[in-house]
């Protein structure tokens, strides 16, 4: 259970961070204007936070691939 479970958890969190960070980045850049009342829309700081979140998610996915069975 140990390594397989950790690998699965890292993959789930990595994908979740990549998807949410991508949305934050696109909202911060003003490309995705959804939801209409979001405080993140066209706020460049959220584009930065989102890109950092995507990077962390990618690192988690990369790290999960390095875990051996």
PDB file of N, CA and C in Angstrom:
ATOM      1  N   UNK A   1       0.817  -1.199   0.000  1.00  0.00           N
ATOM      2  CA  UNK A   1       0.000   0.000   0.000  1.00  0.00           C
ATOM      3  C   UNK A   1       0.854   1.253   0.000  1.00  0.00           C
ATOM      4  N   UNK A   2       1.992   1.268   0.615  1.00  0.00           N
ATOM      5  CA  UNK A   2       2.785   2.459   0.848  1.00  0.00           C
ATOM      6  C   UNK A   2       3.143   3.280  -0.358  1.00  0.00           C
ATOM      7  N   UNK A   3       3.994   2.747  -1.197  1.00  0.00           N
ATOM      8  CA  UNK A   3       4.496   3.544  -2.323  1.00  0.00           C
ATOM      9  C   UNK A   3       3.423   3.797  -3.371  1.00  0.00           C
ATOM     10  N   UNK A   4       2.589   2.792  -3.622  1.00  0.00           N
ATOM     11  CA  UNK A   4       1.533   2.971  -4.620  1.00  0.00           C
ATOM     12  C   UNK A   4       0.546   4.037  -4.176  1.00  0.00           C
ATOM     13  N   UNK A   5       0.229   4.053  -2.880  1.00  0.00           N
ATOM     14  CA  UNK A   5      -0.699   5.051  -2.351  1.00  0.00           C
ATOM     15  C   UNK A   5      -0.103   6.451  -2.441  1.00  0.00           C
ATOM     16  N   UNK A   6       1.146   6.584  -2.051  1.00  0.00           N
ATOM     17  CA  UNK A   6       1.813   7.889  -2.122  1.00  0.00           C
ATOM     18  C   UNK A   6       1.885   8.371  -3.571  1.00  0.00           C
ATOM     19  N   UNK A   7       2.210   7.475  -4.486  1.00  0.00           N
ATOM     20  CA  UNK A   7       2.277   7.835  -5.898  1.00  0.00           C
ATOM     21  C   UNK A   7       0.913   8.321  -6.398  1.00  0.00           C
ATOM     22  N   UNK A   8      -0.145   7.612  -6.015  1.00  0.00           N
ATOM     23  CA  UNK A   8      -1.496   7.994  -6.416  1.00  0.00           C
ATOM     24  C   UNK A   8      -1.869   9.366  -5.854  1.00  0.00           C
ATOM     25  N   UNK A   9      -1.583   9.582  -4.583  1.00  0.00           N
ATOM     26  CA  UNK A   9      -1.911  10.867  -3.944  1.00  0.00           C
ATOM     27  C   UNK A   9      -1.153  12.011  -4.618  1.00  0.00           C
ATOM     28  N   UNK A  10       0.127  11.806  -4.902  1.00  0.00           N
ATOM     29  CA  UNK A  10       0.911  12.843  -5.582  1.00  0.00           C
ATOM     30  C   UNK A  10       0.351  13.139  -6.963  1.00  0.00           C
ATOM     31  N   UNK A  11      -0.078  12.119  -7.668  1.00  0.00           N
ATOM     32  CA  UNK A  11      -0.650  12.325  -8.993  1.00  0.00           C
ATOM     33  C   UNK A  11      -1.960  13.094  -8.923  1.00  0.00           C
ATOM     34  N   UNK A  12      -2.820  12.732  -7.975  1.00  0.00           N
ATOM     35  CA  UNK A  12      -4.107  13.425  -7.832  1.00  0.00           C
ATOM     36  C   UNK A  12      -3.887  14.892  -7.483  1.00  0.00           C
ATOM     37  N   UNK A  13      -3.026  15.153  -6.501  1.00  0.00           N
ATOM     38  CA  UNK A  13      -2.760  16.538  -6.119  1.00  0.00           C
ATOM     39  C   UNK A  13      -2.051  17.296  -7.240  1.00  0.00           C
ATOM     40  N   UNK A  14      -1.153  16.641  -7.951  1.00  0.00           N
ATOM     41  CA  UNK A  14      -0.469  17.291  -9.062  1.00  0.00           C
ATOM     42  C   UNK A  14      -1.430  17.725 -10.151  1.00  0.00           C
ATOM     43  N   UNK A  15      -2.328  16.847 -10.532  1.00  0.00           N
ATOM     44  CA  UNK A  15      -3.314  17.192 -11.570  1.00  0.00           C
ATOM     45  C   UNK A  15      -4.246  18.291 -11.069  1.00  0.00           C
ATOM     46  N   UNK A  16      -4.689  18.184  -9.817  1.00  0.00           N
ATOM     47  CA  UNK A  16      -5.577  19.209  -9.264  1.00  0.00           C
ATOM     48  C   UNK A  16      -4.903  20.574  -9.235  1.00  0.00           C
ATOM     49  N   UNK A  17      -3.629  20.608  -8.853  1.00  0.00           N
ATOM     50  CA  UNK A  17      -2.908  21.884  -8.815  1.00  0.00           C
ATOM     51  C   UNK A  17      -2.694  22.448 -10.219  1.00  0.00           C
ATOM     52  N   UNK A  18      -2.406  21.587 -11.175  1.00  0.00           N
ATOM     53  CA  UNK A  18      -2.213  22.062 -12.543  1.00  0.00           C
ATOM     54  C   UNK A  18      -3.508  22.645 -13.100  1.00  0.00           C
ATOM     55  N   UNK A  19      -4.621  21.960 -12.883  1.00  0.00           N
ATOM     56  CA  UNK A  19      -5.901  22.459 -13.401  1.00  0.00           C
ATOM     57  C   UNK A  19      -6.336  23.760 -12.719  1.00  0.00           C
ATOM     58  N   UNK A  20      -6.262  23.794 -11.390  1.00  0.00           N
ATOM     59  CA  UNK A  20      -6.686  25.012 -10.696  1.00  0.00           C
ATOM     60  C   UNK A  20      -5.726  26.167 -10.971  1.00  0.00           C
ATOM     61  N   UNK A  21      -4.432  25.888 -10.999  1.00  0.00           N
ATOM     62  CA  UNK A  21      -3.464  26.936 -11.307  1.00  0.00           C
ATOM     63  C   UNK A  21      -3.616  27.465 -12.720  1.00  0.00           C
ATOM     64  N   UNK A  22      -3.934  26.572 -13.640  1.00  0.00           N
ATOM     65  CA  UNK A  22      -4.183  27.015 -15.015  1.00  0.00           C
ATOM     66  C   UNK A  22      -5.389  27.942 -15.091  1.00  0.00           C
ATOM     67  N   UNK A  23      -6.448  27.606 -14.358  1.00  0.00           N
ATOM     68  CA  UNK A  23      -7.628  28.475 -14.331  1.00  0.00           C
ATOM     69  C   UNK A  23      -7.283  29.821 -13.720  1.00  0.00           C
ATOM     70  N   UNK A  24      -6.542  29.807 -12.608  1.00  0.00           N
ATOM     71  CA  UNK A  24      -6.155  31.072 -11.973  1.00  0.00           C
ATOM     72  C   UNK A  24      -5.319  31.928 -12.921  1.00  0.00           C
ATOM     73  N   UNK A  25      -4.400  31.286 -13.635  1.00  0.00           N
ATOM     74  CA  UNK A  25      -3.554  32.031 -14.571  1.00  0.00           C
ATOM     75  C   UNK A  25      -4.392  32.667 -15.667  1.00  0.00           C
ATOM     76  N   UNK A  26      -5.285  31.893 -16.250  1.00  0.00           N
ATOM     77  CA  UNK A  26      -6.119  32.419 -17.329  1.00  0.00           C
ATOM     78  C   UNK A  26      -7.066  33.505 -16.825  1.00  0.00           C
ATOM     79  N   UNK A  27      -7.579  33.360 -15.624  1.00  0.00           N
ATOM     80  CA  UNK A  27      -8.421  34.409 -15.048  1.00  0.00           C
ATOM     81  C   UNK A  27      -7.601  35.668 -14.778  1.00  0.00           C
ATOM     82  N   UNK A  28      -6.421  35.501 -14.246  1.00  0.00           N
ATOM     83  CA  UNK A  28      -5.573  36.652 -13.943  1.00  0.00           C
ATOM     84  C   UNK A  28      -5.154  37.416 -15.178  1.00  0.00           C
ATOM     85  N   UNK A  29      -4.986  36.687 -16.283  1.00  0.00           N
ATOM     86  CA  UNK A  29      -4.628  37.337 -17.547  1.00  0.00           C
ATOM     87  C   UNK A  29      -5.835  37.923 -18.272  1.00  0.00           C
ATOM     88  N   UNK A  30      -7.030  37.645 -17.775  1.00  0.00           N
ATOM     89  CA  UNK A  30      -8.235  38.164 -18.400  1.00  0.00           C
ATOM     90  C   UNK A  30      -8.676  37.353 -19.605  1.00  0.00           C
ATOM     91  N   UNK A  31      -8.171  36.150 -19.760  1.00  0.00           N
ATOM     92  CA  UNK A  31      -8.551  35.302 -20.891  1.00  0.00           C
ATOM     93  C   UNK A  31      -9.843  34.563 -20.580  1.00  0.00           C
ATOM     94  N   UNK A  32      -9.952  34.041 -19.374  1.00  0.00           N
ATOM     95  CA  UNK A  32     -11.175  33.380 -18.923  1.00  0.00           C
ATOM     96  C   UNK A  32     -11.862  34.330 -17.950  1.00  0.00           C
ATOM     97  N   UNK A  33     -13.046  34.770 -18.307  1.00  0.00           N
ATOM     98  CA  UNK A  33     -13.788  35.713 -17.470  1.00  0.00           C
ATOM     99  C   UNK A  33     -14.954  34.992 -16.796  1.00  0.00           C
ATOM    100  N   UNK A  34     -14.629  33.903 -16.122  1.00  0.00           N
ATOM    101  CA  UNK A  34     -15.629  33.103 -15.439  1.00  0.00           C
ATOM    102  C   UNK A  34     -15.126  32.739 -14.058  1.00  0.00           C
ATOM    103  N   UNK A  35     -15.927  32.786 -13.067  1.00  0.00           N
ATOM    104  CA  UNK A  35     -17.275  33.349 -12.997  1.00  0.00           C
ATOM    105  C   UNK A  35     -17.229  34.872 -13.055  1.00  0.00           C
ATOM    106  N   UNK A  36     -18.306  35.435 -13.474  1.00  0.00           N
ATOM    107  CA  UNK A  36     -18.337  36.873 -13.772  1.00  0.00           C
ATOM    108  C   UNK A  36     -18.026  37.751 -12.565  1.00  0.00           C
ATOM    109  N   UNK A  37     -18.311  37.278 -11.376  1.00  0.00           N
ATOM    110  CA  UNK A  37     -18.085  38.109 -10.176  1.00  0.00           C
ATOM    111  C   UNK A  37     -16.816  37.719  -9.423  1.00  0.00           C
ATOM    112  N   UNK A  38     -15.894  37.029 -10.069  1.00  0.00           N
ATOM    113  CA  UNK A  38     -14.672  36.595  -9.397  1.00  0.00           C
ATOM    114  C   UNK A  38     -13.729  37.779  -9.164  1.00  0.00           C
ATOM    115  N   UNK A  39     -13.083  37.783  -8.022  1.00  0.00           N
ATOM    116  CA  UNK A  39     -12.134  38.850  -7.700  1.00  0.00           C
ATOM    117  C   UNK A  39     -10.796  38.664  -8.411  1.00  0.00           C
ATOM    118  N   UNK A  40     -10.594  37.513  -9.073  1.00  0.00           N
ATOM    119  CA  UNK A  40      -9.324  37.223  -9.733  1.00  0.00           C
ATOM    120  C   UNK A  40      -9.257  37.738 -11.174  1.00  0.00           C
ATOM    121  N   UNK A  41     -10.377  38.147 -11.726  1.00  0.00           N
ATOM    122  CA  UNK A  41     -10.423  38.502 -13.136  1.00  0.00           C
ATOM    123  C   UNK A  41      -9.551  39.712 -13.441  1.00  0.00           C
ATOM    124  N   UNK A  42      -8.678  39.533 -14.430  1.00  0.00           N
ATOM    125  CA  UNK A  42      -7.792  40.592 -14.919  1.00  0.00           C
ATOM    126  C   UNK A  42      -6.901  41.167 -13.819  1.00  0.00           C
ATOM    127  N   UNK A  43      -6.550  40.357 -12.854  1.00  0.00           N
ATOM    128  CA  UNK A  43      -5.629  40.757 -11.791  1.00  0.00           C
ATOM    129  C   UNK A  43      -4.331  39.980 -11.998  1.00  0.00           C
ATOM    130  N   UNK A  44      -3.295  40.663 -12.447  1.00  0.00           N
ATOM    131  CA  UNK A  44      -2.044  40.002 -12.833  1.00  0.00           C
ATOM    132  C   UNK A  44      -1.382  39.220 -11.698  1.00  0.00           C
ATOM    133  N   UNK A  45      -1.647  39.590 -10.467  1.00  0.00           N
ATOM    134  CA  UNK A  45      -1.055  38.830  -9.366  1.00  0.00           C
ATOM    135  C   UNK A  45      -1.576  37.393  -9.366  1.00  0.00           C
ATOM    136  N   UNK A  46      -2.829  37.185  -9.772  1.00  0.00           N
ATOM    137  CA  UNK A  46      -3.370  35.828  -9.842  1.00  0.00           C
ATOM    138  C   UNK A  46      -2.771  35.046 -10.997  1.00  0.00           C
ATOM    139  N   UNK A  47      -2.345  35.720 -12.029  1.00  0.00           N
ATOM    140  CA  UNK A  47      -1.632  35.025 -13.106  1.00  0.00           C
ATOM    141  C   UNK A  47      -0.303  34.495 -12.573  1.00  0.00           C
ATOM    142  N   UNK A  48       0.350  35.249 -11.740  1.00  0.00           N
ATOM    143  CA  UNK A  48       1.602  34.813 -11.127  1.00  0.00           C
ATOM    144  C   UNK A  48       1.359  33.653 -10.165  1.00  0.00           C
ATOM    145  N   UNK A  49       0.371  33.803  -9.267  1.00  0.00           N
ATOM    146  CA  UNK A  49       0.066  32.735  -8.311  1.00  0.00           C
ATOM    147  C   UNK A  49      -0.325  31.450  -9.041  1.00  0.00           C
ATOM    148  N   UNK A  50      -1.101  31.596 -10.104  1.00  0.00           N
ATOM    149  CA  UNK A  50      -1.525  30.433 -10.874  1.00  0.00           C
ATOM    150  C   UNK A  50      -0.364  29.728 -11.541  1.00  0.00           C
ATOM    151  N   UNK A  51       0.570  30.487 -12.092  1.00  0.00           N
ATOM    152  CA  UNK A  51       1.709  29.855 -12.754  1.00  0.00           C
ATOM    153  C   UNK A  51       2.602  29.132 -11.748  1.00  0.00           C
ATOM    154  N   UNK A  52       2.743  29.683 -10.551  1.00  0.00           N
ATOM    155  CA  UNK A  52       3.495  29.002  -9.498  1.00  0.00           C
ATOM    156  C   UNK A  52       2.777  27.710  -9.097  1.00  0.00           C
ATOM    157  N   UNK A  53       1.460  27.754  -9.014  1.00  0.00           N
ATOM    158  CA  UNK A  53       0.677  26.577  -8.657  1.00  0.00           C
ATOM    159  C   UNK A  53       0.806  25.493  -9.720  1.00  0.00           C
ATOM    160  N   UNK A  54       0.786  25.884 -10.997  1.00  0.00           N
ATOM    161  CA  UNK A  54       0.986  24.922 -12.082  1.00  0.00           C
ATOM    162  C   UNK A  54       2.373  24.291 -11.958  1.00  0.00           C
ATOM    163  N   UNK A  55       3.368  25.086 -11.666  1.00  0.00           N
ATOM    164  CA  UNK A  55       4.725  24.567 -11.517  1.00  0.00           C
ATOM    165  C   UNK A  55       4.818  23.557 -10.368  1.00  0.00           C
ATOM    166  N   UNK A  56       4.208  23.861  -9.246  1.00  0.00           N
ATOM    167  CA  UNK A  56       4.219  22.933  -8.114  1.00  0.00           C
ATOM    168  C   UNK A  56       3.510  21.629  -8.485  1.00  0.00           C
ATOM    169  N   UNK A  57       2.387  21.731  -9.186  1.00  0.00           N
ATOM    170  CA  UNK A  57       1.674  20.543  -9.627  1.00  0.00           C
ATOM    171  C   UNK A  57       2.505  19.699 -10.577  1.00  0.00           C
ATOM    172  N   UNK A  58       3.218  20.348 -11.482  1.00  0.00           N
ATOM    173  CA  UNK A  58       4.079  19.615 -12.415  1.00  0.00           C
ATOM    174  C   UNK A  58       5.219  18.919 -11.667  1.00  0.00           C
ATOM    175  N   UNK A  59       5.756  19.568 -10.655  1.00  0.00           N
ATOM    176  CA  UNK A  59       6.817  18.949  -9.853  1.00  0.00           C
ATOM    177  C   UNK A  59       6.272  17.722  -9.120  1.00  0.00           C
ATOM    178  N   UNK A  60       5.047  17.810  -8.593  1.00  0.00           N
ATOM    179  CA  UNK A  60       4.450  16.654  -7.927  1.00  0.00           C
ATOM    180  C   UNK A  60       4.243  15.500  -8.902  1.00  0.00           C
ATOM    181  N   UNK A  61       3.760  15.808 -10.103  1.00  0.00           N
ATOM    182  CA  UNK A  61       3.588  14.750 -11.100  1.00  0.00           C
ATOM    183  C   UNK A  61       4.926  14.132 -11.481  1.00  0.00           C
ATOM    184  N   UNK A  62       5.920  14.961 -11.679  1.00  0.00           N
ATOM    185  CA  UNK A  62       7.257  14.462 -12.013  1.00  0.00           C
ATOM    186  C   UNK A  62       7.794  13.582 -10.886  1.00  0.00           C
ATOM    187  N   UNK A  63       7.615  14.045  -9.662  1.00  0.00           N
ATOM    188  CA  UNK A  63       8.087  13.281  -8.515  1.00  0.00           C
ATOM    189  C   UNK A  63       7.357  11.953  -8.366  1.00  0.00           C
ATOM    190  N   UNK A  64       6.077  11.941  -8.678  1.00  0.00           N
ATOM    191  CA  UNK A  64       5.343  10.676  -8.589  1.00  0.00           C
ATOM    192  C   UNK A  64       5.816   9.670  -9.612  1.00  0.00           C
ATOM    193  N   UNK A  65       6.295  10.150 -10.737  1.00  0.00           N
ATOM    194  CA  UNK A  65       6.824   9.251 -11.751  1.00  0.00           C
ATOM    195  C   UNK A  65       8.156   8.646 -11.356  1.00  0.00           C
ATOM    196  N   UNK A  66       8.828   9.244 -10.413  1.00  0.00           N
ATOM    197  CA  UNK A  66      10.141   8.749  -9.981  1.00  0.00           C
ATOM    198  C   UNK A  66      10.025   7.732  -8.840  1.00  0.00           C
ATOM    199  N   UNK A  67       8.827   7.555  -8.328  1.00  0.00           N
ATOM    200  CA  UNK A  67       8.615   6.575  -7.259  1.00  0.00           C
ATOM    201  C   UNK A  67       8.498   5.195  -7.908  1.00  0.00           C
ATOM    202  N   UNK A  68       9.323   4.287  -7.461  1.00  0.00           N
ATOM    203  CA  UNK A  68       9.300   2.930  -8.015  1.00  0.00           C
ATOM    204  C   UNK A  68       8.255   2.092  -7.297  1.00  0.00           C
ATOM    205  N   UNK A  69       7.779   1.088  -8.004  1.00  0.00           N
ATOM    206  CA  UNK A  69       6.776   0.193  -7.411  1.00  0.00           C
ATOM    207  C   UNK A  69       7.400  -0.759  -6.456  1.00  0.00           C
TER     208      UNK A  69
END
